[in-house]
Amino acid sequence: MTNGGAACPECSQTMNFGGFVLSKRAGDGQRVCRSLWKCAGRHVWWRWADRPDEALEACPVPELFR
């Protein structure tokens, strides 16, 4: 599964879907999944799965998802 051909914000390589990560959102205290995206350049990005129109954020712990 790809991110619709979206490019990595850091290196412009195509990103691939890497799964979901259950997290607690600080803004509303809900437990919500983040969708994880990775590129061949080993950059890891994520965003709230229930907010697909929001921008990707750099994952603060990429070593856990490589």
PDB file of N, CA and C in Angstrom:
ATOM      1  N   MET A   1       0.849  -1.177   0.000  1.00  0.00           N
ATOM      2  CA  MET A   1       0.000   0.000   0.000  1.00  0.00           C
ATOM      3  C   MET A   1       0.891   1.236   0.000  1.00  0.00           C
ATOM      4  N   THR A   2       0.622   2.170  -0.859  1.00  0.00           N
ATOM      5  CA  THR A   2       1.409   3.396  -0.904  1.00  0.00           C
ATOM      6  C   THR A   2       0.563   4.566  -0.445  1.00  0.00           C
ATOM      7  N   ASN A   3       1.188   5.691  -0.257  1.00  0.00           N
ATOM      8  CA  ASN A   3       0.526   6.906   0.193  1.00  0.00           C
ATOM      9  C   ASN A   3       0.044   7.690  -1.013  1.00  0.00           C
ATOM     10  N   GLY A   4      -0.557   7.017  -1.983  1.00  0.00           N
ATOM     11  CA  GLY A   4      -1.055   7.702  -3.169  1.00  0.00           C
ATOM     12  C   GLY A   4       0.039   8.370  -3.973  1.00  0.00           C
ATOM     13  N   GLY A   5       1.273   7.852  -3.885  1.00  0.00           N
ATOM     14  CA  GLY A   5       2.384   8.443  -4.619  1.00  0.00           C
ATOM     15  C   GLY A   5       2.988   9.640  -3.913  1.00  0.00           C
ATOM     16  N   ALA A   6       2.584   9.886  -2.660  1.00  0.00           N
ATOM     17  CA  ALA A   6       3.129  11.030  -1.921  1.00  0.00           C
ATOM     18  C   ALA A   6       4.626  10.828  -1.688  1.00  0.00           C
ATOM     19  N   ALA A   7       5.330  11.928  -1.707  1.00  0.00           N
ATOM     20  CA  ALA A   7       6.775  11.890  -1.529  1.00  0.00           C
ATOM     21  C   ALA A   7       7.159  12.230  -0.093  1.00  0.00           C
ATOM     22  N   CYS A   8       8.249  11.663   0.347  1.00  0.00           N
ATOM     23  CA  CYS A   8       8.790  11.950   1.669  1.00  0.00           C
ATOM     24  C   CYS A   8       9.108  13.448   1.762  1.00  0.00           C
ATOM     25  N   PRO A   9       8.645  14.116   2.807  1.00  0.00           N
ATOM     26  CA  PRO A   9       8.935  15.550   2.956  1.00  0.00           C
ATOM     27  C   PRO A   9      10.420  15.860   3.085  1.00  0.00           C
ATOM     28  N   GLU A  10      11.223  14.868   3.475  1.00  0.00           N
ATOM     29  CA  GLU A  10      12.643  15.108   3.674  1.00  0.00           C
ATOM     30  C   GLU A  10      13.502  14.802   2.457  1.00  0.00           C
ATOM     31  N   CYS A  11      13.195  13.678   1.732  1.00  0.00           N
ATOM     32  CA  CYS A  11      14.075  13.274   0.637  1.00  0.00           C
ATOM     33  C   CYS A  11      13.355  13.080  -0.701  1.00  0.00           C
ATOM     34  N   SER A  12      12.053  13.270  -0.730  1.00  0.00           N
ATOM     35  CA  SER A  12      11.223  13.183  -1.938  1.00  0.00           C
ATOM     36  C   SER A  12      11.044  11.771  -2.509  1.00  0.00           C
ATOM     37  N   GLN A  13      11.473  10.737  -1.804  1.00  0.00           N
ATOM     38  CA  GLN A  13      11.240   9.370  -2.260  1.00  0.00           C
ATOM     39  C   GLN A  13       9.800   8.970  -1.933  1.00  0.00           C
ATOM     40  N   THR A  14       9.255   8.028  -2.687  1.00  0.00           N
ATOM     41  CA  THR A  14       7.893   7.552  -2.457  1.00  0.00           C
ATOM     42  C   THR A  14       7.805   6.874  -1.093  1.00  0.00           C
ATOM     43  N   MET A  15       6.721   7.160  -0.366  1.00  0.00           N
ATOM     44  CA  MET A  15       6.516   6.567   0.944  1.00  0.00           C
ATOM     45  C   MET A  15       5.582   5.368   0.859  1.00  0.00           C
ATOM     46  N   ASN A  16       5.787   4.413   1.753  1.00  0.00           N
ATOM     47  CA  ASN A  16       4.960   3.217   1.860  1.00  0.00           C
ATOM     48  C   ASN A  16       4.317   3.169   3.238  1.00  0.00           C
ATOM     49  N   PHE A  17       3.099   2.633   3.288  1.00  0.00           N
ATOM     50  CA  PHE A  17       2.377   2.488   4.536  1.00  0.00           C
ATOM     51  C   PHE A  17       3.087   1.480   5.420  1.00  0.00           C
ATOM     52  N   GLY A  18       3.247   1.807   6.705  1.00  0.00           N
ATOM     53  CA  GLY A  18       3.965   0.932   7.622  1.00  0.00           C
ATOM     54  C   GLY A  18       3.130   0.377   8.756  1.00  0.00           C
ATOM     55  N   GLY A  19       1.823   0.641   8.755  1.00  0.00           N
ATOM     56  CA  GLY A  19       0.958   0.102   9.797  1.00  0.00           C
ATOM     57  C   GLY A  19       0.371   1.197  10.667  1.00  0.00           C
ATOM     58  N   PHE A  20      -0.194   0.749  11.791  1.00  0.00           N
ATOM     59  CA  PHE A  20      -0.821   1.673  12.728  1.00  0.00           C
ATOM     60  C   PHE A  20      -0.139   1.572  14.085  1.00  0.00           C
ATOM     61  N   VAL A  21      -0.119   2.685  14.821  1.00  0.00           N
ATOM     62  CA  VAL A  21       0.445   2.744  16.162  1.00  0.00           C
ATOM     63  C   VAL A  21      -0.613   3.374  17.062  1.00  0.00           C
ATOM     64  N   LEU A  22      -0.998   2.672  18.126  1.00  0.00           N
ATOM     65  CA  LEU A  22      -1.986   3.210  19.050  1.00  0.00           C
ATOM     66  C   LEU A  22      -1.302   4.194  19.985  1.00  0.00           C
ATOM     67  N   SER A  23      -1.827   5.416  20.061  1.00  0.00           N
ATOM     68  CA  SER A  23      -1.233   6.484  20.864  1.00  0.00           C
ATOM     69  C   SER A  23      -2.325   7.225  21.615  1.00  0.00           C
ATOM     70  N   LYS A  24      -1.928   7.944  22.654  1.00  0.00           N
ATOM     71  CA  LYS A  24      -2.866   8.802  23.369  1.00  0.00           C
ATOM     72  C   LYS A  24      -2.649  10.225  22.880  1.00  0.00           C
ATOM     73  N   ARG A  25      -3.711  10.826  22.390  1.00  0.00           N
ATOM     74  CA  ARG A  25      -3.618  12.186  21.850  1.00  0.00           C
ATOM     75  C   ARG A  25      -3.722  13.182  23.004  1.00  0.00           C
ATOM     76  N   ALA A  26      -2.729  14.041  23.142  1.00  0.00           N
ATOM     77  CA  ALA A  26      -2.686  15.006  24.244  1.00  0.00           C
ATOM     78  C   ALA A  26      -3.834  16.011  24.173  1.00  0.00           C
ATOM     79  N   GLY A  27      -4.238  16.398  22.982  1.00  0.00           N
ATOM     80  CA  GLY A  27      -5.255  17.431  22.833  1.00  0.00           C
ATOM     81  C   GLY A  27      -6.615  17.073  23.402  1.00  0.00           C
ATOM     82  N   ASP A  28      -7.011  15.794  23.279  1.00  0.00           N
ATOM     83  CA  ASP A  28      -8.338  15.406  23.768  1.00  0.00           C
ATOM     84  C   ASP A  28      -8.320  14.172  24.663  1.00  0.00           C
ATOM     85  N   GLY A  29      -7.130  13.619  24.936  1.00  0.00           N
ATOM     86  CA  GLY A  29      -6.999  12.485  25.830  1.00  0.00           C
ATOM     87  C   GLY A  29      -7.479  11.155  25.268  1.00  0.00           C
ATOM     88  N   GLN A  30      -7.883  11.129  23.999  1.00  0.00           N
ATOM     89  CA  GLN A  30      -8.365   9.890  23.393  1.00  0.00           C
ATOM     90  C   GLN A  30      -7.211   9.005  22.947  1.00  0.00           C
ATOM     91  N   ARG A  31      -7.463   7.689  22.975  1.00  0.00           N
ATOM     92  CA  ARG A  31      -6.522   6.740  22.394  1.00  0.00           C
ATOM     93  C   ARG A  31      -6.917   6.565  20.937  1.00  0.00           C
ATOM     94  N   VAL A  32      -6.023   6.928  20.046  1.00  0.00           N
ATOM     95  CA  VAL A  32      -6.296   6.936  18.612  1.00  0.00           C
ATOM     96  C   VAL A  32      -5.068   6.382  17.887  1.00  0.00           C
ATOM     97  N   CYS A  33      -5.296   5.726  16.763  1.00  0.00           N
ATOM     98  CA  CYS A  33      -4.182   5.208  15.964  1.00  0.00           C
ATOM     99  C   CYS A  33      -3.535   6.317  15.146  1.00  0.00           C
ATOM    100  N   ARG A  34      -2.246   6.176  14.979  1.00  0.00           N
ATOM    101  CA  ARG A  34      -1.494   6.997  14.033  1.00  0.00           C
ATOM    102  C   ARG A  34      -1.157   6.091  12.860  1.00  0.00           C
ATOM    103  N   SER A  35      -1.261   6.616  11.647  1.00  0.00           N
ATOM    104  CA  SER A  35      -0.817   5.851  10.480  1.00  0.00           C
ATOM    105  C   SER A  35       0.659   6.171  10.262  1.00  0.00           C
ATOM    106  N   LEU A  36       1.424   5.133  10.025  1.00  0.00           N
ATOM    107  CA  LEU A  36       2.876   5.237   9.915  1.00  0.00           C
ATOM    108  C   LEU A  36       3.276   5.134   8.452  1.00  0.00           C
ATOM    109  N   TRP A  37       4.167   6.006   8.003  1.00  0.00           N
ATOM    110  CA  TRP A  37       4.639   6.031   6.611  1.00  0.00           C
ATOM    111  C   TRP A  37       6.155   6.063   6.604  1.00  0.00           C
ATOM    112  N   LYS A  38       6.756   5.262   5.708  1.00  0.00           N
ATOM    113  CA  LYS A  38       8.212   5.172   5.625  1.00  0.00           C
ATOM    114  C   LYS A  38       8.661   5.294   4.174  1.00  0.00           C
ATOM    115  N   CYS A  39       9.871   5.792   3.984  1.00  0.00           N
ATOM    116  CA  CYS A  39      10.450   5.859   2.643  1.00  0.00           C
ATOM    117  C   CYS A  39      11.709   4.995   2.606  1.00  0.00           C
ATOM    118  N   ALA A  40      12.240   4.790   1.417  1.00  0.00           N
ATOM    119  CA  ALA A  40      13.457   3.989   1.258  1.00  0.00           C
ATOM    120  C   ALA A  40      14.662   4.663   1.901  1.00  0.00           C
ATOM    121  N   GLY A  41      14.575   5.971   2.121  1.00  0.00           N
ATOM    122  CA  GLY A  41      15.650   6.709   2.778  1.00  0.00           C
ATOM    123  C   GLY A  41      15.629   6.577   4.290  1.00  0.00           C
ATOM    124  N   ARG A  42      14.755   5.677   4.808  1.00  0.00           N
ATOM    125  CA  ARG A  42      14.644   5.367   6.229  1.00  0.00           C
ATOM    126  C   ARG A  42      14.078   6.508   7.063  1.00  0.00           C
ATOM    127  N   HIS A  43      13.345   7.416   6.441  1.00  0.00           N
ATOM    128  CA  HIS A  43      12.634   8.449   7.191  1.00  0.00           C
ATOM    129  C   HIS A  43      11.275   7.894   7.578  1.00  0.00           C
ATOM    130  N   VAL A  44      10.829   8.209   8.776  1.00  0.00           N
ATOM    131  CA  VAL A  44       9.559   7.697   9.286  1.00  0.00           C
ATOM    132  C   VAL A  44       8.677   8.884   9.667  1.00  0.00           C
ATOM    133  N   TRP A  45       7.457   8.858   9.142  1.00  0.00           N
ATOM    134  CA  TRP A  45       6.486   9.933   9.364  1.00  0.00           C
ATOM    135  C   TRP A  45       5.186   9.325   9.860  1.00  0.00           C
ATOM    136  N   TRP A  46       4.373  10.128  10.557  1.00  0.00           N
ATOM    137  CA  TRP A  46       3.055   9.646  10.962  1.00  0.00           C
ATOM    138  C   TRP A  46       2.074  10.783  11.066  1.00  0.00           C
ATOM    139  N   ARG A  47       0.795  10.413  11.166  1.00  0.00           N
ATOM    140  CA  ARG A  47      -0.284  11.372  11.394  1.00  0.00           C
ATOM    141  C   ARG A  47      -1.442  10.610  12.015  1.00  0.00           C
ATOM    142  N   TRP A  48      -2.364  11.347  12.628  1.00  0.00           N
ATOM    143  CA  TRP A  48      -3.526  10.720  13.239  1.00  0.00           C
ATOM    144  C   TRP A  48      -4.367  10.066  12.151  1.00  0.00           C
ATOM    145  N   ALA A  49      -4.703   8.799  12.354  1.00  0.00           N
ATOM    146  CA  ALA A  49      -5.451   8.045  11.351  1.00  0.00           C
ATOM    147  C   ALA A  49      -6.847   8.626  11.127  1.00  0.00           C
ATOM    148  N   ASP A  50      -7.416   9.256  12.153  1.00  0.00           N
ATOM    149  CA  ASP A  50      -8.751   9.837  12.006  1.00  0.00           C
ATOM    150  C   ASP A  50      -8.714  11.264  11.473  1.00  0.00           C
ATOM    151  N   ARG A  51      -7.525  11.735  11.117  1.00  0.00           N
ATOM    152  CA  ARG A  51      -7.353  13.076  10.549  1.00  0.00           C
ATOM    153  C   ARG A  51      -6.426  13.010   9.324  1.00  0.00           C
ATOM    154  N   PRO A  52      -6.853  12.307   8.272  1.00  0.00           N
ATOM    155  CA  PRO A  52      -5.963  12.068   7.126  1.00  0.00           C
ATOM    156  C   PRO A  52      -5.596  13.321   6.325  1.00  0.00           C
ATOM    157  N   ASP A  53      -6.319  14.405   6.518  1.00  0.00           N
ATOM    158  CA  ASP A  53      -6.000  15.630   5.783  1.00  0.00           C
ATOM    159  C   ASP A  53      -4.928  16.473   6.461  1.00  0.00           C
ATOM    160  N   GLU A  54      -4.557  16.122   7.692  1.00  0.00           N
ATOM    161  CA  GLU A  54      -3.515  16.867   8.392  1.00  0.00           C
ATOM    162  C   GLU A  54      -2.143  16.498   7.834  1.00  0.00           C
ATOM    163  N   ALA A  55      -1.204  17.378   8.023  1.00  0.00           N
ATOM    164  CA  ALA A  55       0.166  17.152   7.536  1.00  0.00           C
ATOM    165  C   ALA A  55       0.843  16.017   8.300  1.00  0.00           C
ATOM    166  N   LEU A  56       1.767  15.355   7.627  1.00  0.00           N
ATOM    167  CA  LEU A  56       2.585  14.337   8.281  1.00  0.00           C
ATOM    168  C   LEU A  56       3.514  15.010   9.282  1.00  0.00           C
ATOM    169  N   GLU A  57       3.820  14.290  10.353  1.00  0.00           N
ATOM    170  CA  GLU A  57       4.780  14.750  11.353  1.00  0.00           C
ATOM    171  C   GLU A  57       5.937  13.761  11.384  1.00  0.00           C
ATOM    172  N   ALA A  58       7.138  14.257  11.629  1.00  0.00           N
ATOM    173  CA  ALA A  58       8.285  13.351  11.785  1.00  0.00           C
ATOM    174  C   ALA A  58       8.062  12.524  13.042  1.00  0.00           C
ATOM    175  N   CYS A  59       8.230  11.234  12.940  1.00  0.00           N
ATOM    176  CA  CYS A  59       8.070  10.336  14.078  1.00  0.00           C
ATOM    177  C   CYS A  59       9.238  10.578  15.046  1.00  0.00           C
ATOM    178  N   PRO A  60       8.964  10.807  16.336  1.00  0.00           N
ATOM    179  CA  PRO A  60      10.055  11.099  17.270  1.00  0.00           C
ATOM    180  C   PRO A  60      10.888   9.880  17.668  1.00  0.00           C
ATOM    181  N   VAL A  61      10.424   8.671  17.354  1.00  0.00           N
ATOM    182  CA  VAL A  61      11.151   7.437  17.677  1.00  0.00           C
ATOM    183  C   VAL A  61      11.245   6.527  16.458  1.00  0.00           C
ATOM    184  N   PRO A  62      11.848   6.975  15.371  1.00  0.00           N
ATOM    185  CA  PRO A  62      11.860   6.193  14.128  1.00  0.00           C
ATOM    186  C   PRO A  62      12.564   4.848  14.272  1.00  0.00           C
ATOM    187  N   GLU A  63      13.499   4.732  15.201  1.00  0.00           N
ATOM    188  CA  GLU A  63      14.233   3.470  15.349  1.00  0.00           C
ATOM    189  C   GLU A  63      13.318   2.320  15.780  1.00  0.00           C
ATOM    190  N   LEU A  64      12.158   2.620  16.332  1.00  0.00           N
ATOM    191  CA  LEU A  64      11.224   1.572  16.736  1.00  0.00           C
ATOM    192  C   LEU A  64      10.470   0.975  15.548  1.00  0.00           C
ATOM    193  N   PHE A  65      10.497   1.640  14.397  1.00  0.00           N
ATOM    194  CA  PHE A  65       9.664   1.244  13.263  1.00  0.00           C
ATOM    195  C   PHE A  65      10.454   0.945  11.995  1.00  0.00           C
ATOM    196  N   ARG A  66      11.731   0.723  12.066  1.00  0.00           N
ATOM    197  CA  ARG A  66      12.525   0.461  10.860  1.00  0.00           C
ATOM    198  C   ARG A  66      12.558  -0.981  10.520  1.00  0.00           C
TER     199      ARG A  66
END
